[in-house]
mmCIF file of all heavy atoms, coordinates in Angstrom:
data_MODEL
# 
_entry.id   MODEL 
# 
loop_
_atom_site.group_PDB 
_atom_site.id 
_atom_site.type_symbol 
_atom_site.label_atom_id 
_atom_site.label_alt_id 
_atom_site.label_comp_id 
_atom_site.label_asym_id 
_atom_site.label_entity_id 
_atom_site.label_seq_id 
_atom_site.pdbx_PDB_ins_code 
_atom_site.Cartn_x 
_atom_site.Cartn_y 
_atom_site.Cartn_z 
_atom_site.occupancy 
_atom_site.B_iso_or_equiv 
_atom_site.pdbx_formal_charge 
_atom_site.auth_seq_id 
_atom_site.auth_comp_id 
_atom_site.auth_asym_id 
_atom_site.auth_atom_id 
_atom_site.pdbx_PDB_model_num 
ATOM 1   N N   . SER A 1 1  ? 0.832  -1.199  0.000   1.00 0.00 ? 1  SER A N   1 
ATOM 2   C CA  . SER A 1 1  ? 0.000  0.000   0.000   1.00 0.00 ? 1  SER A CA  1 
ATOM 3   C C   . SER A 1 1  ? 0.873  1.258   0.000   1.00 0.00 ? 1  SER A C   1 
ATOM 4   O O   . SER A 1 1  ? 0.469  2.300   -0.497  1.00 0.00 ? 1  SER A O   1 
ATOM 5   C CB  . SER A 1 1  ? -0.952 -0.001  1.200   1.00 0.00 ? 1  SER A CB  1 
ATOM 6   O OG  . SER A 1 1  ? -0.234 -0.141  2.406   1.00 0.00 ? 1  SER A OG  1 
ATOM 7   N N   . HIS A 1 2  ? 2.072  1.163   0.565   1.00 0.00 ? 2  HIS A N   1 
ATOM 8   C CA  . HIS A 1 2  ? 3.058  2.243   0.568   1.00 0.00 ? 2  HIS A CA  1 
ATOM 9   C C   . HIS A 1 2  ? 4.429  1.625   0.287   1.00 0.00 ? 2  HIS A C   1 
ATOM 10  O O   . HIS A 1 2  ? 5.235  1.461   1.202   1.00 0.00 ? 2  HIS A O   1 
ATOM 11  C CB  . HIS A 1 2  ? 3.061  2.967   1.917   1.00 0.00 ? 2  HIS A CB  1 
ATOM 12  C CG  . HIS A 1 2  ? 1.777  3.649   2.219   1.00 0.00 ? 2  HIS A CG  1 
ATOM 13  N ND1 . HIS A 1 2  ? 0.756  3.033   2.909   1.00 0.00 ? 2  HIS A ND1 1 
ATOM 14  C CD2 . HIS A 1 2  ? 1.331  4.876   1.900   1.00 0.00 ? 2  HIS A CD2 1 
ATOM 15  C CE1 . HIS A 1 2  ? -0.256 3.867   3.012   1.00 0.00 ? 2  HIS A CE1 1 
ATOM 16  N NE2 . HIS A 1 2  ? 0.064  4.991   2.406   1.00 0.00 ? 2  HIS A NE2 1 
ATOM 17  N N   . PRO A 1 3  ? 4.676  1.236   -0.974  1.00 0.00 ? 3  PRO A N   1 
ATOM 18  C CA  . PRO A 1 3  ? 5.896  0.488   -1.297  1.00 0.00 ? 3  PRO A CA  1 
ATOM 19  C C   . PRO A 1 3  ? 7.169  1.252   -0.952  1.00 0.00 ? 3  PRO A C   1 
ATOM 20  O O   . PRO A 1 3  ? 7.248  2.469   -1.111  1.00 0.00 ? 3  PRO A O   1 
ATOM 21  C CB  . PRO A 1 3  ? 5.790  0.241   -2.800  1.00 0.00 ? 3  PRO A CB  1 
ATOM 22  C CG  . PRO A 1 3  ? 4.778  1.199   -3.298  1.00 0.00 ? 3  PRO A CG  1 
ATOM 23  C CD  . PRO A 1 3  ? 3.869  1.530   -2.155  1.00 0.00 ? 3  PRO A CD  1 
ATOM 24  N N   . ALA A 1 4  ? 8.146  0.499   -0.484  1.00 0.00 ? 4  ALA A N   1 
ATOM 25  C CA  . ALA A 1 4  ? 9.440  1.060   -0.094  1.00 0.00 ? 4  ALA A CA  1 
ATOM 26  C C   . ALA A 1 4  ? 10.239 1.530   -1.306  1.00 0.00 ? 4  ALA A C   1 
ATOM 27  O O   . ALA A 1 4  ? 11.145 2.351   -1.173  1.00 0.00 ? 4  ALA A O   1 
ATOM 28  C CB  . ALA A 1 4  ? 10.244 0.012   0.677   1.00 0.00 ? 4  ALA A CB  1 
ATOM 29  N N   . GLY A 1 5  ? 9.929  0.995   -2.471  1.00 0.00 ? 5  GLY A N   1 
ATOM 30  C CA  . GLY A 1 5  ? 10.635 1.392   -3.686  1.00 0.00 ? 5  GLY A CA  1 
ATOM 31  C C   . GLY A 1 5  ? 11.825 0.520   -4.024  1.00 0.00 ? 5  GLY A C   1 
ATOM 32  O O   . GLY A 1 5  ? 12.379 0.628   -5.105  1.00 0.00 ? 5  GLY A O   1 
ATOM 33  N N   . GLN A 1 6  ? 12.219 -0.352  -3.094  1.00 0.00 ? 6  GLN A N   1 
ATOM 34  C CA  . GLN A 1 6  ? 13.307 -1.283  -3.389  1.00 0.00 ? 6  GLN A CA  1 
ATOM 35  C C   . GLN A 1 6  ? 13.115 -2.548  -2.562  1.00 0.00 ? 6  GLN A C   1 
ATOM 36  O O   . GLN A 1 6  ? 12.512 -2.526  -1.500  1.00 0.00 ? 6  GLN A O   1 
ATOM 37  C CB  . GLN A 1 6  ? 14.671 -0.665  -3.095  1.00 0.00 ? 6  GLN A CB  1 
ATOM 38  C CG  . GLN A 1 6  ? 14.921 -0.397  -1.630  1.00 0.00 ? 6  GLN A CG  1 
ATOM 39  C CD  . GLN A 1 6  ? 16.305 0.198   -1.392  1.00 0.00 ? 6  GLN A CD  1 
ATOM 40  O OE1 . GLN A 1 6  ? 16.898 0.794   -2.289  1.00 0.00 ? 6  GLN A OE1 1 
ATOM 41  N NE2 . GLN A 1 6  ? 16.814 0.038   -0.196  1.00 0.00 ? 6  GLN A NE2 1 
ATOM 42  N N   . VAL A 1 7  ? 13.632 -3.631  -3.091  1.00 0.00 ? 7  VAL A N   1 
ATOM 43  C CA  . VAL A 1 7  ? 13.588 -4.908  -2.388  1.00 0.00 ? 7  VAL A CA  1 
ATOM 44  C C   . VAL A 1 7  ? 14.714 -4.898  -1.353  1.00 0.00 ? 7  VAL A C   1 
ATOM 45  O O   . VAL A 1 7  ? 15.835 -4.485  -1.647  1.00 0.00 ? 7  VAL A O   1 
ATOM 46  C CB  . VAL A 1 7  ? 13.758 -6.083  -3.372  1.00 0.00 ? 7  VAL A CB  1 
ATOM 47  C CG1 . VAL A 1 7  ? 13.792 -7.407  -2.633  1.00 0.00 ? 7  VAL A CG1 1 
ATOM 48  C CG2 . VAL A 1 7  ? 12.628 -6.074  -4.403  1.00 0.00 ? 7  VAL A CG2 1 
ATOM 49  N N   . ASN A 1 8  ? 14.403 -5.343  -0.147  1.00 0.00 ? 8  ASN A N   1 
ATOM 50  C CA  . ASN A 1 8  ? 15.392 -5.374  0.917   1.00 0.00 ? 8  ASN A CA  1 
ATOM 51  C C   . ASN A 1 8  ? 16.566 -6.261  0.503   1.00 0.00 ? 8  ASN A C   1 
ATOM 52  O O   . ASN A 1 8  ? 16.372 -7.391  0.053   1.00 0.00 ? 8  ASN A O   1 
ATOM 53  C CB  . ASN A 1 8  ? 14.749 -5.904  2.201   1.00 0.00 ? 8  ASN A CB  1 
ATOM 54  C CG  . ASN A 1 8  ? 15.676 -5.829  3.376   1.00 0.00 ? 8  ASN A CG  1 
ATOM 55  O OD1 . ASN A 1 8  ? 16.661 -6.551  3.444   1.00 0.00 ? 8  ASN A OD1 1 
ATOM 56  N ND2 . ASN A 1 8  ? 15.347 -4.962  4.318   1.00 0.00 ? 8  ASN A ND2 1 
ATOM 57  N N   . PRO A 1 9  ? 17.798 -5.780  0.651   1.00 0.00 ? 9  PRO A N   1 
ATOM 58  C CA  . PRO A 1 9  ? 18.961 -6.566  0.230   1.00 0.00 ? 9  PRO A CA  1 
ATOM 59  C C   . PRO A 1 9  ? 19.109 -7.902  0.967   1.00 0.00 ? 9  PRO A C   1 
ATOM 60  O O   . PRO A 1 9  ? 19.638 -8.861  0.401   1.00 0.00 ? 9  PRO A O   1 
ATOM 61  C CB  . PRO A 1 9  ? 20.156 -5.654  0.507   1.00 0.00 ? 9  PRO A CB  1 
ATOM 62  C CG  . PRO A 1 9  ? 19.636 -4.453  1.191   1.00 0.00 ? 9  PRO A CG  1 
ATOM 63  C CD  . PRO A 1 9  ? 18.151 -4.449  1.118   1.00 0.00 ? 9  PRO A CD  1 
ATOM 64  N N   . TYR A 1 10 ? 18.633 -7.994  2.199   1.00 0.00 ? 10 TYR A N   1 
ATOM 65  C CA  . TYR A 1 10 ? 18.692 -9.266  2.923   1.00 0.00 ? 10 TYR A CA  1 
ATOM 66  C C   . TYR A 1 10 ? 17.728 -10.280 2.302   1.00 0.00 ? 10 TYR A C   1 
ATOM 67  O O   . TYR A 1 10 ? 18.010 -11.475 2.282   1.00 0.00 ? 10 TYR A O   1 
ATOM 68  C CB  . TYR A 1 10 ? 18.386 -9.081  4.412   1.00 0.00 ? 10 TYR A CB  1 
ATOM 69  C CG  . TYR A 1 10 ? 19.472 -8.339  5.151   1.00 0.00 ? 10 TYR A CG  1 
ATOM 70  C CD1 . TYR A 1 10 ? 19.327 -7.000  5.463   1.00 0.00 ? 10 TYR A CD1 1 
ATOM 71  C CD2 . TYR A 1 10 ? 20.651 -8.983  5.520   1.00 0.00 ? 10 TYR A CD2 1 
ATOM 72  C CE1 . TYR A 1 10 ? 20.321 -6.301  6.134   1.00 0.00 ? 10 TYR A CE1 1 
ATOM 73  C CE2 . TYR A 1 10 ? 21.658 -8.303  6.194   1.00 0.00 ? 10 TYR A CE2 1 
ATOM 74  C CZ  . TYR A 1 10 ? 21.487 -6.961  6.491   1.00 0.00 ? 10 TYR A CZ  1 
ATOM 75  O OH  . TYR A 1 10 ? 22.485 -6.280  7.149   1.00 0.00 ? 10 TYR A OH  1 
ATOM 76  N N   . ALA A 1 11 ? 16.599 -9.800  1.774   1.00 0.00 ? 11 ALA A N   1 
ATOM 77  C CA  . ALA A 1 11 ? 15.663 -10.686 1.077   1.00 0.00 ? 11 ALA A CA  1 
ATOM 78  C C   . ALA A 1 11 ? 16.295 -11.210 -0.205  1.00 0.00 ? 11 ALA A C   1 
ATOM 79  O O   . ALA A 1 11 ? 16.233 -12.409 -0.508  1.00 0.00 ? 11 ALA A O   1 
ATOM 80  C CB  . ALA A 1 11 ? 14.357 -9.954  0.768   1.00 0.00 ? 11 ALA A CB  1 
ATOM 81  N N   . VAL A 1 12 ? 16.925 -10.321 -0.963  1.00 0.00 ? 12 VAL A N   1 
ATOM 82  C CA  . VAL A 1 12 ? 17.588 -10.717 -2.216  1.00 0.00 ? 12 VAL A CA  1 
ATOM 83  C C   . VAL A 1 12 ? 18.683 -11.741 -1.924  1.00 0.00 ? 12 VAL A C   1 
ATOM 84  O O   . VAL A 1 12 ? 18.778 -12.782 -2.588  1.00 0.00 ? 12 VAL A O   1 
ATOM 85  C CB  . VAL A 1 12 ? 18.172 -9.478  -2.934  1.00 0.00 ? 12 VAL A CB  1 
ATOM 86  C CG1 . VAL A 1 12 ? 19.027 -9.888  -4.123  1.00 0.00 ? 12 VAL A CG1 1 
ATOM 87  C CG2 . VAL A 1 12 ? 17.056 -8.543  -3.369  1.00 0.00 ? 12 VAL A CG2 1 
ATOM 88  N N   . GLU A 1 13 ? 19.500 -11.463 -0.919  1.00 0.00 ? 13 GLU A N   1 
ATOM 89  C CA  . GLU A 1 13 ? 20.592 -12.365 -0.551  1.00 0.00 ? 13 GLU A CA  1 
ATOM 90  C C   . GLU A 1 13 ? 20.074 -13.751 -0.169  1.00 0.00 ? 13 GLU A C   1 
ATOM 91  O O   . GLU A 1 13 ? 20.598 -14.773 -0.624  1.00 0.00 ? 13 GLU A O   1 
ATOM 92  C CB  . GLU A 1 13 ? 21.362 -11.747 0.631   1.00 0.00 ? 13 GLU A CB  1 
ATOM 93  C CG  . GLU A 1 13 ? 22.464 -12.615 1.185   1.00 0.00 ? 13 GLU A CG  1 
ATOM 94  C CD  . GLU A 1 13 ? 23.081 -11.972 2.429   1.00 0.00 ? 13 GLU A CD  1 
ATOM 95  O OE1 . GLU A 1 13 ? 23.911 -11.052 2.269   1.00 0.00 ? 13 GLU A OE1 1 
ATOM 96  O OE2 . GLU A 1 13 ? 22.742 -12.400 3.546   1.00 0.00 ? 13 GLU A OE2 1 
ATOM 97  N N   . LEU A 1 14 ? 19.031 -13.789 0.648   1.00 0.00 ? 14 LEU A N   1 
ATOM 98  C CA  . LEU A 1 14 ? 18.485 -15.065 1.121   1.00 0.00 ? 14 LEU A CA  1 
ATOM 99  C C   . LEU A 1 14 ? 17.860 -15.867 -0.016  1.00 0.00 ? 14 LEU A C   1 
ATOM 100 O O   . LEU A 1 14 ? 18.067 -17.078 -0.127  1.00 0.00 ? 14 LEU A O   1 
ATOM 101 C CB  . LEU A 1 14 ? 17.454 -14.809 2.224   1.00 0.00 ? 14 LEU A CB  1 
ATOM 102 C CG  . LEU A 1 14 ? 16.805 -16.035 2.843   1.00 0.00 ? 14 LEU A CG  1 
ATOM 103 C CD1 . LEU A 1 14 ? 17.838 -16.945 3.500   1.00 0.00 ? 14 LEU A CD1 1 
ATOM 104 C CD2 . LEU A 1 14 ? 15.759 -15.595 3.865   1.00 0.00 ? 14 LEU A CD2 1 
ATOM 105 N N   . LEU A 1 15 ? 17.110 -15.204 -0.866  1.00 0.00 ? 15 LEU A N   1 
ATOM 106 C CA  . LEU A 1 15 ? 16.490 -15.908 -1.998  1.00 0.00 ? 15 LEU A CA  1 
ATOM 107 C C   . LEU A 1 15 ? 17.556 -16.484 -2.920  1.00 0.00 ? 15 LEU A C   1 
ATOM 108 O O   . LEU A 1 15 ? 17.480 -17.652 -3.319  1.00 0.00 ? 15 LEU A O   1 
ATOM 109 C CB  . LEU A 1 15 ? 15.550 -14.966 -2.758  1.00 0.00 ? 15 LEU A CB  1 
ATOM 110 C CG  . LEU A 1 15 ? 14.280 -14.591 -2.014  1.00 0.00 ? 15 LEU A CG  1 
ATOM 111 C CD1 . LEU A 1 15 ? 13.576 -13.429 -2.708  1.00 0.00 ? 15 LEU A CD1 1 
ATOM 112 C CD2 . LEU A 1 15 ? 13.347 -15.788 -1.868  1.00 0.00 ? 15 LEU A CD2 1 
ATOM 113 N N   . ALA A 1 16 ? 18.548 -15.670 -3.252  1.00 0.00 ? 16 ALA A N   1 
ATOM 114 C CA  . ALA A 1 16 ? 19.623 -16.142 -4.138  1.00 0.00 ? 16 ALA A CA  1 
ATOM 115 C C   . ALA A 1 16 ? 20.350 -17.324 -3.505  1.00 0.00 ? 16 ALA A C   1 
ATOM 116 O O   . ALA A 1 16 ? 20.660 -18.310 -4.184  1.00 0.00 ? 16 ALA A O   1 
ATOM 117 C CB  . ALA A 1 16 ? 20.588 -15.001 -4.428  1.00 0.00 ? 16 ALA A CB  1 
ATOM 118 N N   . LYS A 1 17 ? 20.591 -17.257 -2.207  1.00 0.00 ? 17 LYS A N   1 
ATOM 119 C CA  . LYS A 1 17 ? 21.289 -18.328 -1.493  1.00 0.00 ? 17 LYS A CA  1 
ATOM 120 C C   . LYS A 1 17 ? 20.483 -19.628 -1.535  1.00 0.00 ? 17 LYS A C   1 
ATOM 121 O O   . LYS A 1 17 ? 21.047 -20.718 -1.496  1.00 0.00 ? 17 LYS A O   1 
ATOM 122 C CB  . LYS A 1 17 ? 21.520 -17.906 -0.038  1.00 0.00 ? 17 LYS A CB  1 
ATOM 123 C CG  . LYS A 1 17 ? 22.443 -18.823 0.726   1.00 0.00 ? 17 LYS A CG  1 
ATOM 124 C CD  . LYS A 1 17 ? 22.651 -18.309 2.146   1.00 0.00 ? 17 LYS A CD  1 
ATOM 125 C CE  . LYS A 1 17 ? 23.890 -17.444 2.161   1.00 0.00 ? 17 LYS A CE  1 
ATOM 126 N NZ  . LYS A 1 17 ? 24.291 -17.050 3.510   1.00 0.00 ? 17 LYS A NZ  1 
ATOM 127 N N   . ASN A 1 18 ? 19.149 -19.503 -1.647  1.00 0.00 ? 18 ASN A N   1 
ATOM 128 C CA  . ASN A 1 18 ? 18.271 -20.673 -1.709  1.00 0.00 ? 18 ASN A CA  1 
ATOM 129 C C   . ASN A 1 18 ? 17.924 -21.069 -3.138  1.00 0.00 ? 18 ASN A C   1 
ATOM 130 O O   . ASN A 1 18 ? 17.019 -21.880 -3.361  1.00 0.00 ? 18 ASN A O   1 
ATOM 131 C CB  . ASN A 1 18 ? 17.003 -20.418 -0.891  1.00 0.00 ? 18 ASN A CB  1 
ATOM 132 C CG  . ASN A 1 18 ? 17.249 -20.594 0.592   1.00 0.00 ? 18 ASN A CG  1 
ATOM 133 O OD1 . ASN A 1 18 ? 17.245 -21.715 1.084   1.00 0.00 ? 18 ASN A OD1 1 
ATOM 134 N ND2 . ASN A 1 18 ? 17.506 -19.499 1.291   1.00 0.00 ? 18 ASN A ND2 1 
ATOM 135 N N   . GLY A 1 19 ? 18.616 -20.483 -4.114  1.00 0.00 ? 19 GLY A N   1 
ATOM 136 C CA  . GLY A 1 19 ? 18.414 -20.855 -5.507  1.00 0.00 ? 19 GLY A CA  1 
ATOM 137 C C   . GLY A 1 19 ? 17.104 -20.378 -6.097  1.00 0.00 ? 19 GLY A C   1 
ATOM 138 O O   . GLY A 1 19 ? 16.604 -20.961 -7.056  1.00 0.00 ? 19 GLY A O   1 
ATOM 139 N N   . ILE A 1 20 ? 16.541 -19.317 -5.539  1.00 0.00 ? 20 ILE A N   1 
ATOM 140 C CA  . ILE A 1 20 ? 15.272 -18.778 -6.026  1.00 0.00 ? 20 ILE A CA  1 
ATOM 141 C C   . ILE A 1 20 ? 15.563 -17.493 -6.802  1.00 0.00 ? 20 ILE A C   1 
ATOM 142 O O   . ILE A 1 20 ? 16.259 -16.603 -6.305  1.00 0.00 ? 20 ILE A O   1 
ATOM 143 C CB  . ILE A 1 20 ? 14.303 -18.501 -4.856  1.00 0.00 ? 20 ILE A CB  1 
ATOM 144 C CG1 . ILE A 1 20 ? 13.997 -19.822 -4.131  1.00 0.00 ? 20 ILE A CG1 1 
ATOM 145 C CG2 . ILE A 1 20 ? 13.022 -17.847 -5.361  1.00 0.00 ? 20 ILE A CG2 1 
ATOM 146 C CD1 . ILE A 1 20 ? 13.142 -19.672 -2.885  1.00 0.00 ? 20 ILE A CD1 1 
ATOM 147 N N   . SER A 1 21 ? 15.022 -17.412 -7.989  1.00 0.00 ? 21 SER A N   1 
ATOM 148 C CA  . SER A 1 21 ? 15.281 -16.271 -8.867  1.00 0.00 ? 21 SER A CA  1 
ATOM 149 C C   . SER A 1 21 ? 14.819 -14.955 -8.238  1.00 0.00 ? 21 SER A C   1 
ATOM 150 O O   . SER A 1 21 ? 13.731 -14.871 -7.670  1.00 0.00 ? 21 SER A O   1 
ATOM 151 C CB  . SER A 1 21 ? 14.564 -16.464 -10.204 1.00 0.00 ? 21 SER A CB  1 
ATOM 152 O OG  . SER A 1 21 ? 14.723 -15.302 -11.003 1.00 0.00 ? 21 SER A OG  1 
ATOM 153 N N   . VAL A 1 22 ? 15.660 -13.945 -8.384  1.00 0.00 ? 22 VAL A N   1 
ATOM 154 C CA  . VAL A 1 22 ? 15.324 -12.607 -7.902  1.00 0.00 ? 22 VAL A CA  1 
ATOM 155 C C   . VAL A 1 22 ? 15.202 -11.635 -9.080  1.00 0.00 ? 22 VAL A C   1 
ATOM 156 O O   . VAL A 1 22 ? 15.000 -10.438 -8.883  1.00 0.00 ? 22 VAL A O   1 
ATOM 157 C CB  . VAL A 1 22 ? 16.376 -12.097 -6.886  1.00 0.00 ? 22 VAL A CB  1 
ATOM 158 C CG1 . VAL A 1 22 ? 16.396 -12.976 -5.651  1.00 0.00 ? 22 VAL A CG1 1 
ATOM 159 C CG2 . VAL A 1 22 ? 17.763 -12.021 -7.506  1.00 0.00 ? 22 VAL A CG2 1 
ATOM 160 N N   . ALA A 1 23 ? 15.302 -12.178 -10.298 1.00 0.00 ? 23 ALA A N   1 
ATOM 161 C CA  . ALA A 1 23 ? 15.386 -11.349 -11.505 1.00 0.00 ? 23 ALA A CA  1 
ATOM 162 C C   . ALA A 1 23 ? 14.207 -10.394 -11.674 1.00 0.00 ? 23 ALA A C   1 
ATOM 163 O O   . ALA A 1 23 ? 14.399 -9.239  -12.044 1.00 0.00 ? 23 ALA A O   1 
ATOM 164 C CB  . ALA A 1 23 ? 15.513 -12.238 -12.735 1.00 0.00 ? 23 ALA A CB  1 
ATOM 165 N N   . ASP A 1 24 ? 12.983 -10.851 -11.420 1.00 0.00 ? 24 ASP A N   1 
ATOM 166 C CA  . ASP A 1 24 ? 11.811 -10.020 -11.695 1.00 0.00 ? 24 ASP A CA  1 
ATOM 167 C C   . ASP A 1 24 ? 11.234 -9.354  -10.453 1.00 0.00 ? 24 ASP A C   1 
ATOM 168 O O   . ASP A 1 24 ? 10.164 -8.749  -10.522 1.00 0.00 ? 24 ASP A O   1 
ATOM 169 C CB  . ASP A 1 24 ? 10.726 -10.871 -12.361 1.00 0.00 ? 24 ASP A CB  1 
ATOM 170 C CG  . ASP A 1 24 ? 11.160 -11.376 -13.724 1.00 0.00 ? 24 ASP A CG  1 
ATOM 171 O OD1 . ASP A 1 24 ? 11.900 -10.654 -14.411 1.00 0.00 ? 24 ASP A OD1 1 
ATOM 172 O OD2 . ASP A 1 24 ? 10.769 -12.506 -14.084 1.00 0.00 ? 24 ASP A OD2 1 
ATOM 173 N N   . LEU A 1 25 ? 11.918 -9.459  -9.333  1.00 0.00 ? 25 LEU A N   1 
ATOM 174 C CA  . LEU A 1 25 ? 11.372 -8.908  -8.096  1.00 0.00 ? 25 LEU A CA  1 
ATOM 175 C C   . LEU A 1 25 ? 11.596 -7.397  -8.027  1.00 0.00 ? 25 LEU A C   1 
ATOM 176 O O   . LEU A 1 25 ? 12.675 -6.906  -8.321  1.00 0.00 ? 25 LEU A O   1 
ATOM 177 C CB  . LEU A 1 25 ? 12.023 -9.576  -6.883  1.00 0.00 ? 25 LEU A CB  1 
ATOM 178 C CG  . LEU A 1 25 ? 11.771 -11.067 -6.745  1.00 0.00 ? 25 LEU A CG  1 
ATOM 179 C CD1 . LEU A 1 25 ? 12.510 -11.613 -5.530  1.00 0.00 ? 25 LEU A CD1 1 
ATOM 180 C CD2 . LEU A 1 25 ? 10.288 -11.365 -6.643  1.00 0.00 ? 25 LEU A CD2 1 
ATOM 181 N N   . ARG A 1 26 ? 10.541 -6.701  -7.625  1.00 0.00 ? 26 ARG A N   1 
ATOM 182 C CA  . ARG A 1 26 ? 10.635 -5.257  -7.420  1.00 0.00 ? 26 ARG A CA  1 
ATOM 183 C C   . ARG A 1 26 ? 9.542  -4.836  -6.452  1.00 0.00 ? 26 ARG A C   1 
ATOM 184 O O   . ARG A 1 26 ? 8.483  -5.467  -6.371  1.00 0.00 ? 26 ARG A O   1 
ATOM 185 C CB  . ARG A 1 26 ? 10.535 -4.484  -8.734  1.00 0.00 ? 26 ARG A CB  1 
ATOM 186 C CG  . ARG A 1 26 ? 9.218  -4.656  -9.447  1.00 0.00 ? 26 ARG A CG  1 
ATOM 187 C CD  . ARG A 1 26 ? 9.210  -3.988  -10.824 1.00 0.00 ? 26 ARG A CD  1 
ATOM 188 N NE  . ARG A 1 26 ? 7.963  -4.253  -11.502 1.00 0.00 ? 26 ARG A NE  1 
ATOM 189 C CZ  . ARG A 1 26 ? 6.839  -3.549  -11.337 1.00 0.00 ? 26 ARG A CZ  1 
ATOM 190 N NH1 . ARG A 1 26 ? 6.826  -2.509  -10.537 1.00 0.00 ? 26 ARG A NH1 1 
ATOM 191 N NH2 . ARG A 1 26 ? 5.738  -3.866  -11.991 1.00 0.00 ? 26 ARG A NH2 1 
# 
């Protein structure tokens, strides 16, 4: 409802570490 404008870097790091694509996340 009030987007932060960026994906949290800890979320990106964790997803990548688990082999989950982060390419289309925003």
